Amino acid sequence: MIDALEWRYATKKFDDSKSIDSNKIELLKKGFNLTPTSYGLQPLRLVIVKNQDLKNKLFEHSYNQIQVKTASHVLVICIENTVDEEFINHNFELQKEIREAEDEIVKPFRDFLIKDFTNRNDQQIKAWGINQAYLAMGNLLTICAAEKIDACPMEGFESHAYDDILNLKEKGISSALVLPVGYRAKDDKFADFKKVRRPQEETIIEF
C-alpha cells in the first residue's frame, strides 16, 4: 500500500484514449459506499460522469482544469441537501432490517440524532456533510492508488454550475468535491516529479 501511495500523484494530464473498465468502476462505487461517515448516516452520493458532452460542459466551470475534459470518468462527490428526521429514520430502518436490531435498542440513539440535527442550522449541516465528503475523497484516492488508477482531487470548480448541469437539485443533493479519474498521459511531466513531503520528524508526534 505504501508503494501504491508513493506511485500516485495529482494527475495533471490524462490520456483521453484510455478508459477505466467497468470492473474497476464497480470497485470505486463499492469503496465509496463503504466509506466511514459520522454516525454512519452516509449523507453522501456519488455522481459518475462518463459522457463526453457532459464532461466538456463541466470543464467550462472548472477553472480550465483540463483533467475534467480528458479523464475517463469524473466522479462528483455530493452531499445531501436535507438531513432531517425522515433521513435519520431511514438509516435506522436499514439498521433494523440488516442487523435485525430491536426498536428499543436503536431508539435512544435515533432520538438523540434527530434532536441534535433539528438543533443545527442549514450551514452547520452543510459543513458537517462536506467533512464527510472529504472522508470519501480520501477513501477513493487510496483505492485508486491500489488499483493503479490515476486521479486528481479537486476543490476548484463552480459548484452551482455543476449542480445545474447535472440536475442535482432535483435529486436533493449538491456537489462538494470533484475527482477526475483515468490514466496518466505519457507526456505528463508531473508523473516523474519526486514527492515533496515534510519529514516524518516534523509531522509525527509520539508519546
N, C-alpha and C. Protein backbone atom coordinates (compact mmCIF):
# COMPACT_ATOMS: atom_id res chain seq x y z
N MET A 1 0.82 -1.21 0.00
CA MET A 1 0.00 0.00 0.00
C MET A 1 0.86 1.27 0.00
N ILE A 2 1.97 1.23 0.74
CA ILE A 2 2.87 2.39 0.75
C ILE A 2 3.45 2.61 -0.65
N ASP A 3 3.81 1.52 -1.33
CA ASP A 3 4.30 1.64 -2.71
C ASP A 3 3.25 2.30 -3.60
N ALA A 4 1.98 1.92 -3.41
CA ALA A 4 0.90 2.49 -4.21
C ALA A 4 0.74 3.98 -3.93
N LEU A 5 0.87 4.37 -2.66
CA LEU A 5 0.76 5.78 -2.31
C LEU A 5 1.95 6.58 -2.82
N GLU A 6 3.13 5.94 -2.87
CA GLU A 6 4.29 6.59 -3.47
C GLU A 6 4.09 6.79 -4.98
N TRP A 7 3.40 5.85 -5.60
CA TRP A 7 3.18 5.87 -7.06
C TRP A 7 2.21 6.97 -7.47
N ARG A 8 1.18 7.22 -6.64
CA ARG A 8 0.13 8.15 -7.03
C ARG A 8 0.61 9.60 -6.97
N TYR A 9 -0.05 10.44 -7.73
CA TYR A 9 0.18 11.88 -7.69
C TYR A 9 -1.07 12.55 -8.24
N ALA A 10 -1.20 13.83 -8.03
CA ALA A 10 -2.35 14.55 -8.55
C ALA A 10 -2.15 14.74 -10.05
N THR A 11 -2.76 13.87 -10.81
CA THR A 11 -2.54 13.81 -12.25
C THR A 11 -2.95 15.11 -12.94
N LYS A 12 -2.04 15.67 -13.71
CA LYS A 12 -2.30 16.94 -14.39
C LYS A 12 -2.80 16.75 -15.82
N LYS A 13 -2.51 15.57 -16.40
CA LYS A 13 -2.93 15.34 -17.79
C LYS A 13 -3.25 13.86 -17.97
N PHE A 14 -4.48 13.59 -18.37
CA PHE A 14 -4.90 12.22 -18.62
C PHE A 14 -4.75 11.87 -20.10
N ASP A 15 -4.57 10.58 -20.36
CA ASP A 15 -4.60 10.05 -21.72
C ASP A 15 -6.06 9.80 -22.07
N ASP A 16 -6.63 10.68 -22.89
CA ASP A 16 -8.07 10.59 -23.16
C ASP A 16 -8.44 9.44 -24.10
N SER A 17 -7.43 8.67 -24.54
CA SER A 17 -7.73 7.49 -25.36
C SER A 17 -7.94 6.24 -24.51
N LYS A 18 -7.66 6.36 -23.21
CA LYS A 18 -7.78 5.21 -22.31
C LYS A 18 -8.99 5.38 -21.39
N SER A 19 -9.70 4.28 -21.22
CA SER A 19 -10.90 4.30 -20.40
C SER A 19 -10.78 3.26 -19.28
N ILE A 20 -11.30 3.60 -18.13
CA ILE A 20 -11.31 2.65 -17.00
C ILE A 20 -12.39 1.61 -17.24
N ASP A 21 -12.03 0.32 -17.09
CA ASP A 21 -13.03 -0.72 -17.36
C ASP A 21 -14.08 -0.77 -16.27
N SER A 22 -15.20 -1.37 -16.59
CA SER A 22 -16.36 -1.35 -15.70
C SER A 22 -16.09 -2.05 -14.37
N ASN A 23 -15.23 -3.06 -14.37
CA ASN A 23 -14.92 -3.77 -13.12
C ASN A 23 -14.26 -2.84 -12.10
N LYS A 24 -13.36 -2.00 -12.57
CA LYS A 24 -12.68 -1.07 -11.67
C LYS A 24 -13.62 0.05 -11.21
N ILE A 25 -14.52 0.47 -12.10
CA ILE A 25 -15.52 1.46 -11.69
C ILE A 25 -16.41 0.88 -10.59
N GLU A 26 -16.73 -0.41 -10.70
CA GLU A 26 -17.52 -1.06 -9.65
C GLU A 26 -16.79 -1.05 -8.32
N LEU A 27 -15.46 -1.25 -8.35
CA LEU A 27 -14.66 -1.20 -7.12
C LEU A 27 -14.74 0.19 -6.49
N LEU A 28 -14.66 1.22 -7.32
CA LEU A 28 -14.74 2.58 -6.80
C LEU A 28 -16.12 2.85 -6.19
N LYS A 29 -17.15 2.36 -6.84
CA LYS A 29 -18.51 2.54 -6.32
C LYS A 29 -18.67 1.85 -4.97
N LYS A 30 -18.17 0.62 -4.87
CA LYS A 30 -18.28 -0.11 -3.61
C LYS A 30 -17.44 0.56 -2.52
N GLY A 31 -16.24 1.00 -2.91
CA GLY A 31 -15.38 1.69 -1.94
C GLY A 31 -16.01 2.96 -1.43
N PHE A 32 -16.64 3.71 -2.33
CA PHE A 32 -17.34 4.93 -1.91
C PHE A 32 -18.43 4.58 -0.90
N ASN A 33 -19.19 3.55 -1.19
CA ASN A 33 -20.32 3.19 -0.33
C ASN A 33 -19.86 2.65 1.02
N LEU A 34 -18.62 2.16 1.09
CA LEU A 34 -18.08 1.63 2.35
C LEU A 34 -17.32 2.68 3.15
N THR A 35 -17.28 3.91 2.66
CA THR A 35 -16.60 4.97 3.38
C THR A 35 -17.22 5.18 4.76
N PRO A 36 -16.41 5.24 5.81
CA PRO A 36 -16.95 5.55 7.12
C PRO A 36 -17.45 6.99 7.17
N THR A 37 -18.60 7.21 7.80
CA THR A 37 -19.12 8.57 7.95
C THR A 37 -19.60 8.77 9.38
N SER A 38 -19.67 10.02 9.78
CA SER A 38 -20.10 10.36 11.13
C SER A 38 -21.48 9.79 11.43
N TYR A 39 -21.59 9.08 12.55
CA TYR A 39 -22.82 8.42 12.97
C TYR A 39 -23.28 7.33 12.01
N GLY A 40 -22.49 7.06 10.97
CA GLY A 40 -22.89 6.08 9.97
C GLY A 40 -24.06 6.52 9.12
N LEU A 41 -24.31 7.82 9.03
CA LEU A 41 -25.51 8.32 8.36
C LEU A 41 -25.38 8.40 6.83
N GLN A 42 -24.16 8.37 6.31
CA GLN A 42 -23.93 8.43 4.86
C GLN A 42 -24.70 9.58 4.18
N PRO A 43 -24.37 10.83 4.51
CA PRO A 43 -25.06 11.95 3.87
C PRO A 43 -24.45 12.29 2.51
N LEU A 44 -24.05 11.27 1.77
CA LEU A 44 -23.30 11.45 0.53
C LEU A 44 -23.91 10.66 -0.61
N ARG A 45 -23.70 11.17 -1.82
CA ARG A 45 -23.97 10.39 -3.02
C ARG A 45 -22.87 10.67 -4.03
N LEU A 46 -22.65 9.71 -4.90
CA LEU A 46 -21.59 9.82 -5.90
C LEU A 46 -22.20 9.87 -7.29
N VAL A 47 -21.86 10.92 -8.04
CA VAL A 47 -22.30 11.05 -9.43
C VAL A 47 -21.11 10.73 -10.32
N ILE A 48 -21.28 9.78 -11.23
CA ILE A 48 -20.20 9.34 -12.12
C ILE A 48 -20.50 9.81 -13.53
N VAL A 49 -19.63 10.62 -14.07
CA VAL A 49 -19.85 11.21 -15.39
C VAL A 49 -18.85 10.61 -16.39
N LYS A 50 -19.38 9.88 -17.35
CA LYS A 50 -18.57 9.31 -18.43
C LYS A 50 -18.85 10.02 -19.75
N ASN A 51 -20.05 10.54 -19.90
CA ASN A 51 -20.47 11.19 -21.14
C ASN A 51 -19.57 12.38 -21.48
N GLN A 52 -19.00 12.36 -22.67
CA GLN A 52 -18.02 13.38 -23.04
C GLN A 52 -18.64 14.77 -23.15
N ASP A 53 -19.85 14.87 -23.67
CA ASP A 53 -20.50 16.18 -23.78
C ASP A 53 -20.69 16.81 -22.40
N LEU A 54 -21.08 15.98 -21.43
CA LEU A 54 -21.24 16.50 -20.07
C LEU A 54 -19.89 16.90 -19.48
N LYS A 55 -18.86 16.09 -19.72
CA LYS A 55 -17.53 16.44 -19.21
C LYS A 55 -17.06 17.77 -19.80
N ASN A 56 -17.34 17.99 -21.09
CA ASN A 56 -16.96 19.25 -21.73
C ASN A 56 -17.68 20.43 -21.08
N LYS A 57 -18.95 20.24 -20.75
CA LYS A 57 -19.72 21.32 -20.11
C LYS A 57 -19.18 21.60 -18.70
N LEU A 58 -18.84 20.52 -17.98
CA LEU A 58 -18.30 20.70 -16.64
C LEU A 58 -16.95 21.40 -16.68
N PHE A 59 -16.16 21.09 -17.70
CA PHE A 59 -14.84 21.70 -17.87
C PHE A 59 -14.93 23.22 -17.90
N GLU A 60 -15.98 23.73 -18.52
CA GLU A 60 -16.16 25.18 -18.63
C GLU A 60 -16.36 25.84 -17.28
N HIS A 61 -16.67 25.05 -16.27
CA HIS A 61 -16.90 25.58 -14.93
C HIS A 61 -15.91 24.98 -13.93
N SER A 62 -14.72 24.64 -14.44
CA SER A 62 -13.69 24.00 -13.61
C SER A 62 -12.37 24.75 -13.68
N TYR A 63 -12.45 26.05 -13.94
CA TYR A 63 -11.26 26.92 -13.96
C TYR A 63 -10.16 26.38 -14.88
N ASN A 64 -10.60 25.92 -16.06
CA ASN A 64 -9.69 25.47 -17.12
C ASN A 64 -8.81 24.29 -16.72
N GLN A 65 -9.28 23.49 -15.79
CA GLN A 65 -8.52 22.30 -15.42
C GLN A 65 -8.86 21.18 -16.41
N ILE A 66 -7.91 20.93 -17.30
CA ILE A 66 -8.12 20.04 -18.44
C ILE A 66 -8.44 18.61 -18.01
N GLN A 67 -8.10 18.27 -16.77
CA GLN A 67 -8.36 16.91 -16.29
C GLN A 67 -9.84 16.54 -16.40
N VAL A 68 -10.71 17.52 -16.21
CA VAL A 68 -12.15 17.25 -16.25
C VAL A 68 -12.58 16.81 -17.65
N LYS A 69 -11.94 17.36 -18.66
CA LYS A 69 -12.30 17.04 -20.03
C LYS A 69 -11.64 15.75 -20.52
N THR A 70 -10.44 15.45 -20.04
CA THR A 70 -9.67 14.33 -20.59
C THR A 70 -9.74 13.06 -19.74
N ALA A 71 -10.30 13.15 -18.55
CA ALA A 71 -10.40 11.97 -17.69
C ALA A 71 -11.34 10.93 -18.29
N SER A 72 -11.12 9.69 -17.92
CA SER A 72 -12.03 8.62 -18.34
C SER A 72 -13.41 8.84 -17.72
N HIS A 73 -13.43 9.12 -16.44
CA HIS A 73 -14.66 9.40 -15.71
C HIS A 73 -14.41 10.56 -14.74
N VAL A 74 -15.44 11.34 -14.51
CA VAL A 74 -15.37 12.39 -13.50
C VAL A 74 -16.31 12.00 -12.36
N LEU A 75 -15.73 11.83 -11.17
CA LEU A 75 -16.52 11.48 -10.01
C LEU A 75 -16.86 12.77 -9.25
N VAL A 76 -18.13 12.99 -9.04
CA VAL A 76 -18.58 14.18 -8.32
C VAL A 76 -19.16 13.71 -6.98
N ILE A 77 -18.47 14.06 -5.90
CA ILE A 77 -18.93 13.67 -4.57
C ILE A 77 -19.92 14.73 -4.09
N CYS A 78 -21.12 14.28 -3.75
CA CYS A 78 -22.20 15.20 -3.41
C CYS A 78 -22.68 14.98 -1.99
N ILE A 79 -23.26 16.03 -1.42
CA ILE A 79 -23.83 15.94 -0.08
C ILE A 79 -25.35 16.08 -0.16
N GLU A 80 -26.03 15.44 0.77
CA GLU A 80 -27.48 15.56 0.85
C GLU A 80 -27.85 16.98 1.29
N ASN A 81 -28.83 17.56 0.62
CA ASN A 81 -29.27 18.90 1.00
C ASN A 81 -30.10 18.91 2.28
N THR A 82 -30.71 17.78 2.59
CA THR A 82 -31.58 17.70 3.76
C THR A 82 -31.23 16.49 4.61
N VAL A 83 -30.81 16.74 5.83
CA VAL A 83 -30.60 15.67 6.81
C VAL A 83 -31.56 15.97 7.95
N ASP A 84 -32.72 15.33 7.89
CA ASP A 84 -33.77 15.62 8.87
C ASP A 84 -34.26 14.33 9.51
N GLU A 85 -35.38 14.41 10.19
CA GLU A 85 -35.92 13.25 10.90
C GLU A 85 -36.19 12.10 9.94
N GLU A 86 -36.74 12.41 8.77
CA GLU A 86 -37.04 11.36 7.79
C GLU A 86 -35.77 10.66 7.33
N PHE A 87 -34.73 11.45 7.05
CA PHE A 87 -33.46 10.89 6.59
C PHE A 87 -32.85 9.99 7.66
N ILE A 88 -32.86 10.46 8.91
CA ILE A 88 -32.28 9.69 10.01
C ILE A 88 -33.09 8.42 10.26
N ASN A 89 -34.41 8.53 10.22
CA ASN A 89 -35.26 7.35 10.42
C ASN A 89 -35.00 6.28 9.37
N HIS A 90 -34.77 6.72 8.13
CA HIS A 90 -34.48 5.76 7.05
C HIS A 90 -33.21 4.97 7.36
N ASN A 91 -32.19 5.66 7.88
CA ASN A 91 -30.95 4.98 8.24
C ASN A 91 -31.18 3.93 9.32
N PHE A 92 -31.99 4.27 10.30
CA PHE A 92 -32.23 3.32 11.38
C PHE A 92 -33.14 2.17 10.96
N GLU A 93 -34.01 2.41 9.98
CA GLU A 93 -34.80 1.31 9.44
C GLU A 93 -33.90 0.30 8.74
N LEU A 94 -32.85 0.80 8.08
CA LEU A 94 -31.87 -0.09 7.46
C LEU A 94 -31.14 -0.91 8.51
N GLN A 95 -30.79 -0.26 9.61
CA GLN A 95 -30.12 -0.98 10.70
C GLN A 95 -31.00 -2.10 11.24
N LYS A 96 -32.27 -1.78 11.44
CA LYS A 96 -33.19 -2.80 11.95
C LYS A 96 -33.35 -3.95 10.97
N GLU A 97 -33.38 -3.61 9.68
CA GLU A 97 -33.56 -4.64 8.66
C GLU A 97 -32.32 -5.51 8.51
N ILE A 98 -31.15 -4.89 8.43
CA ILE A 98 -29.92 -5.63 8.14
C ILE A 98 -29.38 -6.32 9.39
N ARG A 99 -29.42 -5.64 10.52
CA ARG A 99 -28.87 -6.20 11.76
C ARG A 99 -29.93 -6.87 12.63
N GLU A 100 -31.18 -6.75 12.19
CA GLU A 100 -32.30 -7.30 12.96
C GLU A 100 -32.31 -6.72 14.37
N ALA A 101 -32.01 -5.42 14.44
CA ALA A 101 -31.95 -4.74 15.73
C ALA A 101 -33.36 -4.43 16.22
N GLU A 102 -33.56 -4.58 17.50
CA GLU A 102 -34.85 -4.26 18.11
C GLU A 102 -35.01 -2.74 18.21
N ASP A 103 -36.24 -2.29 18.05
CA ASP A 103 -36.50 -0.85 18.06
C ASP A 103 -36.09 -0.21 19.38
N GLU A 104 -36.32 -0.91 20.49
CA GLU A 104 -35.99 -0.31 21.78
C GLU A 104 -34.48 -0.13 21.96
N ILE A 105 -33.69 -0.91 21.19
CA ILE A 105 -32.24 -0.78 21.27
C ILE A 105 -31.75 0.44 20.49
N VAL A 106 -32.31 0.68 19.31
CA VAL A 106 -31.85 1.78 18.45
C VAL A 106 -32.53 3.11 18.78
N LYS A 107 -33.67 3.05 19.46
CA LYS A 107 -34.46 4.27 19.69
C LYS A 107 -33.70 5.37 20.43
N PRO A 108 -32.96 5.09 21.52
CA PRO A 108 -32.27 6.20 22.22
C PRO A 108 -31.29 6.96 21.33
N PHE A 109 -30.49 6.22 20.56
CA PHE A 109 -29.52 6.89 19.69
C PHE A 109 -30.22 7.62 18.55
N ARG A 110 -31.26 7.01 18.00
CA ARG A 110 -32.03 7.64 16.92
C ARG A 110 -32.64 8.95 17.41
N ASP A 111 -33.24 8.92 18.59
CA ASP A 111 -33.86 10.13 19.15
C ASP A 111 -32.83 11.22 19.41
N PHE A 112 -31.65 10.79 19.88
CA PHE A 112 -30.56 11.75 20.11
C PHE A 112 -30.17 12.45 18.81
N LEU A 113 -30.00 11.67 17.73
CA LEU A 113 -29.58 12.25 16.45
C LEU A 113 -30.65 13.18 15.89
N ILE A 114 -31.91 12.78 15.99
CA ILE A 114 -32.99 13.63 15.49
C ILE A 114 -32.99 14.97 16.21
N LYS A 115 -32.84 14.94 17.53
CA LYS A 115 -32.80 16.17 18.31
C LYS A 115 -31.57 17.00 17.96
N ASP A 116 -30.43 16.32 17.83
CA ASP A 116 -29.18 17.01 17.52
C ASP A 116 -29.26 17.74 16.19
N PHE A 117 -29.73 17.05 15.15
CA PHE A 117 -29.78 17.67 13.82
C PHE A 117 -30.90 18.68 13.70
N THR A 118 -31.95 18.53 14.48
CA THR A 118 -33.02 19.54 14.50
C THR A 118 -32.49 20.86 15.04
N ASN A 119 -31.54 20.78 15.94
CA ASN A 119 -30.98 21.99 16.55
C ASN A 119 -29.86 22.61 15.72
N ARG A 120 -29.46 21.97 14.64
CA ARG A 120 -28.41 22.52 13.78
C ARG A 120 -29.07 23.35 12.66
N ASN A 121 -28.40 24.44 12.27
CA ASN A 121 -28.91 25.20 11.13
C ASN A 121 -28.38 24.62 9.83
N ASP A 122 -28.87 25.13 8.71
CA ASP A 122 -28.52 24.58 7.40
C ASP A 122 -27.02 24.65 7.13
N GLN A 123 -26.38 25.74 7.53
CA GLN A 123 -24.94 25.90 7.29
C GLN A 123 -24.14 24.89 8.10
N GLN A 124 -24.56 24.62 9.30
CA GLN A 124 -23.87 23.63 10.13
C GLN A 124 -24.00 22.23 9.55
N ILE A 125 -25.19 21.92 9.06
CA ILE A 125 -25.40 20.59 8.46
C ILE A 125 -24.60 20.46 7.16
N LYS A 126 -24.54 21.54 6.39
CA LYS A 126 -23.76 21.52 5.15
C LYS A 126 -22.28 21.32 5.45
N ALA A 127 -21.75 22.04 6.43
CA ALA A 127 -20.34 21.91 6.80
C ALA A 127 -20.04 20.50 7.27
N TRP A 128 -20.95 19.93 8.06
CA TRP A 128 -20.80 18.55 8.51
C TRP A 128 -20.78 17.59 7.32
N GLY A 129 -21.68 17.80 6.36
CA GLY A 129 -21.73 16.95 5.18
C GLY A 129 -20.45 17.02 4.36
N ILE A 130 -19.92 18.23 4.20
CA ILE A 130 -18.69 18.39 3.43
C ILE A 130 -17.53 17.66 4.11
N ASN A 131 -17.50 17.67 5.42
CA ASN A 131 -16.47 16.90 6.13
C ASN A 131 -16.54 15.42 5.76
N GLN A 132 -17.75 14.91 5.62
CA GLN A 132 -17.92 13.50 5.25
C GLN A 132 -17.46 13.28 3.80
N ALA A 133 -17.67 14.29 2.95
CA ALA A 133 -17.23 14.18 1.56
C ALA A 133 -15.71 14.03 1.47
N TYR A 134 -14.99 14.72 2.35
CA TYR A 134 -13.53 14.60 2.35
C TYR A 134 -13.10 13.19 2.77
N LEU A 135 -13.85 12.57 3.68
CA LEU A 135 -13.56 11.17 4.03
C LEU A 135 -13.69 10.29 2.80
N ALA A 136 -14.74 10.50 2.04
CA ALA A 136 -14.97 9.70 0.83
C ALA A 136 -13.87 9.96 -0.20
N MET A 137 -13.46 11.21 -0.34
CA MET A 137 -12.38 11.53 -1.28
C MET A 137 -11.11 10.78 -0.92
N GLY A 138 -10.74 10.80 0.37
CA GLY A 138 -9.54 10.09 0.79
C GLY A 138 -9.64 8.60 0.53
N ASN A 139 -10.80 8.04 0.80
CA ASN A 139 -11.01 6.61 0.56
C ASN A 139 -10.84 6.28 -0.92
N LEU A 140 -11.46 7.09 -1.78
CA LEU A 140 -11.38 6.85 -3.22
C LEU A 140 -9.95 7.01 -3.74
N LEU A 141 -9.22 7.99 -3.21
CA LEU A 141 -7.84 8.18 -3.65
C LEU A 141 -6.97 6.98 -3.30
N THR A 142 -7.20 6.40 -2.13
CA THR A 142 -6.43 5.22 -1.72
C THR A 142 -6.76 4.02 -2.60
N ILE A 143 -8.04 3.84 -2.89
CA ILE A 143 -8.44 2.73 -3.77
C ILE A 143 -7.86 2.92 -5.16
N CYS A 144 -7.90 4.15 -5.66
CA CYS A 144 -7.31 4.44 -6.97
C CYS A 144 -5.83 4.06 -6.99
N ALA A 145 -5.11 4.45 -5.95
CA ALA A 145 -3.69 4.14 -5.88
C ALA A 145 -3.46 2.63 -5.88
N ALA A 146 -4.25 1.90 -5.11
CA ALA A 146 -4.10 0.45 -5.02
C ALA A 146 -4.40 -0.22 -6.35
N GLU A 147 -5.32 0.37 -7.13
CA GLU A 147 -5.73 -0.22 -8.41
C GLU A 147 -4.98 0.38 -9.60
N LYS A 148 -3.99 1.23 -9.31
CA LYS A 148 -3.22 1.90 -10.37
C LYS A 148 -4.13 2.69 -11.31
N ILE A 149 -5.08 3.39 -10.69
CA ILE A 149 -5.93 4.34 -11.41
C ILE A 149 -5.44 5.73 -11.05
N ASP A 150 -5.21 6.56 -12.03
CA ASP A 150 -4.75 7.91 -11.76
C ASP A 150 -5.94 8.81 -11.41
N ALA A 151 -5.69 9.80 -10.57
CA ALA A 151 -6.76 10.65 -10.09
C ALA A 151 -6.22 12.03 -9.75
N CYS A 152 -7.12 13.01 -9.73
CA CYS A 152 -6.73 14.36 -9.35
C CYS A 152 -7.84 14.97 -8.49
N PRO A 153 -7.66 15.03 -7.17
CA PRO A 153 -8.68 15.62 -6.30
C PRO A 153 -8.81 17.11 -6.56
N MET A 154 -10.05 17.60 -6.64
CA MET A 154 -10.29 18.99 -6.99
C MET A 154 -11.33 19.65 -6.08
N GLU A 155 -10.97 20.82 -5.60
CA GLU A 155 -11.93 21.70 -4.93
C GLU A 155 -12.31 22.86 -5.83
N GLY A 156 -11.47 23.15 -6.82
CA GLY A 156 -11.66 24.31 -7.68
C GLY A 156 -12.64 24.06 -8.81
N PHE A 157 -13.91 24.32 -8.54
CA PHE A 157 -14.94 24.23 -9.57
C PHE A 157 -16.14 25.04 -9.10
N GLU A 158 -17.03 25.37 -10.04
CA GLU A 158 -18.20 26.17 -9.71
C GLU A 158 -19.34 25.22 -9.35
N SER A 159 -19.54 25.06 -8.07
CA SER A 159 -20.49 24.08 -7.58
C SER A 159 -21.90 24.29 -8.13
N HIS A 160 -22.36 25.54 -8.15
CA HIS A 160 -23.72 25.80 -8.61
C HIS A 160 -23.90 25.41 -10.08
N ALA A 161 -22.86 25.64 -10.88
CA ALA A 161 -22.94 25.27 -12.29
C ALA A 161 -22.98 23.75 -12.45
N TYR A 162 -22.15 23.04 -11.69
CA TYR A 162 -22.19 21.58 -11.71
C TYR A 162 -23.59 21.08 -11.33
N ASP A 163 -24.14 21.69 -10.28
CA ASP A 163 -25.47 21.28 -9.83
C ASP A 163 -26.51 21.45 -10.93
N ASP A 164 -26.40 22.56 -11.67
CA ASP A 164 -27.36 22.82 -12.75
C ASP A 164 -27.17 21.85 -13.91
N ILE A 165 -25.92 21.67 -14.32
CA ILE A 165 -25.63 20.80 -15.48
C ILE A 165 -26.06 19.36 -15.21
N LEU A 166 -25.86 18.90 -14.00
CA LEU A 166 -26.17 17.51 -13.64
C LEU A 166 -27.54 17.34 -12.99
N ASN A 167 -28.31 18.43 -12.94
CA ASN A 167 -29.66 18.40 -12.36
C ASN A 167 -29.64 17.84 -10.93
N LEU A 168 -28.68 18.28 -10.14
CA LEU A 168 -28.53 17.72 -8.81
C LEU A 168 -29.60 18.21 -7.84
N LYS A 169 -30.09 19.43 -8.03
CA LYS A 169 -31.12 19.95 -7.14
C LYS A 169 -32.35 19.06 -7.14
N GLU A 170 -32.68 18.53 -8.32
CA GLU A 170 -33.84 17.65 -8.43
C GLU A 170 -33.65 16.37 -7.63
N LYS A 171 -32.39 16.01 -7.41
CA LYS A 171 -32.07 14.80 -6.65
C LYS A 171 -31.86 15.11 -5.17
N GLY A 172 -31.97 16.39 -4.79
CA GLY A 172 -31.82 16.77 -3.40
C GLY A 172 -30.40 16.77 -2.89
N ILE A 173 -29.44 16.96 -3.81
CA ILE A 173 -28.02 16.93 -3.42
C ILE A 173 -27.28 18.10 -4.05
N SER A 174 -26.08 18.36 -3.53
CA SER A 174 -25.22 19.43 -4.04
C SER A 174 -23.80 18.90 -4.20
N SER A 175 -23.11 19.35 -5.23
CA SER A 175 -21.73 18.92 -5.46
C SER A 175 -20.82 19.53 -4.41
N ALA A 176 -19.87 18.72 -3.93
CA ALA A 176 -18.94 19.18 -2.90
C ALA A 176 -17.50 19.08 -3.35
N LEU A 177 -17.12 17.97 -3.96
CA LEU A 177 -15.76 17.73 -4.42
C LEU A 177 -15.79 17.01 -5.76
N VAL A 178 -14.70 17.14 -6.50
CA VAL A 178 -14.62 16.52 -7.82
C VAL A 178 -13.35 15.68 -7.91
N LEU A 179 -13.47 14.50 -8.51
CA LEU A 179 -12.33 13.61 -8.65
C LEU A 179 -12.30 13.01 -10.05
N PRO A 180 -11.61 13.68 -11.00
CA PRO A 180 -11.40 13.06 -12.31
C PRO A 180 -10.48 11.84 -12.16
N VAL A 181 -10.82 10.76 -12.83
CA VAL A 181 -10.01 9.54 -12.76
C VAL A 181 -9.77 9.00 -14.17
N GLY A 182 -8.64 8.32 -14.34
CA GLY A 182 -8.29 7.76 -15.64
C GLY A 182 -6.87 7.23 -15.60
N TYR A 183 -6.15 7.46 -16.69
CA TYR A 183 -4.76 7.02 -16.78
C TYR A 183 -3.89 8.15 -17.28
N ARG A 184 -2.78 8.35 -16.61
CA ARG A 184 -1.89 9.47 -16.91
C ARG A 184 -1.40 9.45 -18.35
N ALA A 185 -1.27 10.64 -18.92
CA ALA A 185 -0.68 10.77 -20.25
C ALA A 185 0.83 10.57 -20.16
N LYS A 186 1.40 10.00 -21.19
CA LYS A 186 2.84 9.74 -21.19
C LYS A 186 3.66 11.02 -21.08
N ASP A 187 3.11 12.12 -21.58
CA ASP A 187 3.87 13.38 -21.55
C ASP A 187 3.51 14.28 -20.36
N ASP A 188 2.86 13.69 -19.34
CA ASP A 188 2.61 14.47 -18.13
C ASP A 188 3.88 14.47 -17.29
N LYS A 189 4.61 15.56 -17.38
CA LYS A 189 5.92 15.63 -16.72
C LYS A 189 5.81 15.52 -15.20
N PHE A 190 4.65 15.84 -14.65
CA PHE A 190 4.48 15.78 -13.20
C PHE A 190 4.53 14.36 -12.66
N ALA A 191 4.33 13.38 -13.54
CA ALA A 191 4.33 11.98 -13.10
C ALA A 191 5.70 11.57 -12.56
N ASP A 192 6.75 12.20 -13.04
CA ASP A 192 8.11 11.82 -12.64
C ASP A 192 8.69 12.71 -11.55
N PHE A 193 7.93 13.69 -11.12
CA PHE A 193 8.45 14.56 -10.06
C PHE A 193 8.55 13.79 -8.75
N LYS A 194 9.60 14.05 -8.00
CA LYS A 194 9.73 13.44 -6.68
C LYS A 194 8.69 14.05 -5.74
N LYS A 195 8.16 13.22 -4.85
CA LYS A 195 7.19 13.72 -3.90
C LYS A 195 7.85 14.70 -2.93
N VAL A 196 7.14 15.74 -2.61
CA VAL A 196 7.62 16.70 -1.62
C VAL A 196 6.73 16.57 -0.38
N ARG A 197 7.29 16.06 0.67
CA ARG A 197 6.58 15.90 1.93
C ARG A 197 7.48 16.35 3.07
N ARG A 198 6.89 16.95 4.08
CA ARG A 198 7.66 17.29 5.27
C ARG A 198 8.22 16.02 5.89
N PRO A 199 9.39 16.08 6.49
CA PRO A 199 9.95 14.90 7.14
C PRO A 199 9.01 14.39 8.23
N GLN A 200 8.98 13.08 8.40
CA GLN A 200 8.12 12.49 9.42
C GLN A 200 8.39 13.07 10.80
N GLU A 201 9.65 13.44 11.03
CA GLU A 201 10.00 14.00 12.34
C GLU A 201 9.22 15.28 12.63
N GLU A 202 8.78 15.95 11.56
CA GLU A 202 8.02 17.20 11.71
C GLU A 202 6.51 16.95 11.81
N THR A 203 6.06 15.85 11.23
CA THR A 203 4.61 15.64 11.14
C THR A 203 4.06 14.59 12.08
N ILE A 204 4.95 13.77 12.67
CA ILE A 204 4.50 12.71 13.58
C ILE A 204 4.95 13.04 14.99
N ILE A 205 4.01 12.97 15.92
CA ILE A 205 4.33 13.20 17.34
C ILE A 205 3.99 11.92 18.10
N GLU A 206 4.96 11.40 18.81
CA GLU A 206 4.74 10.18 19.57
C GLU A 206 5.00 10.41 21.06
N PHE A 207 4.20 9.78 21.89
CA PHE A 207 4.38 9.86 23.35
C PHE A 207 4.67 8.48 23.89
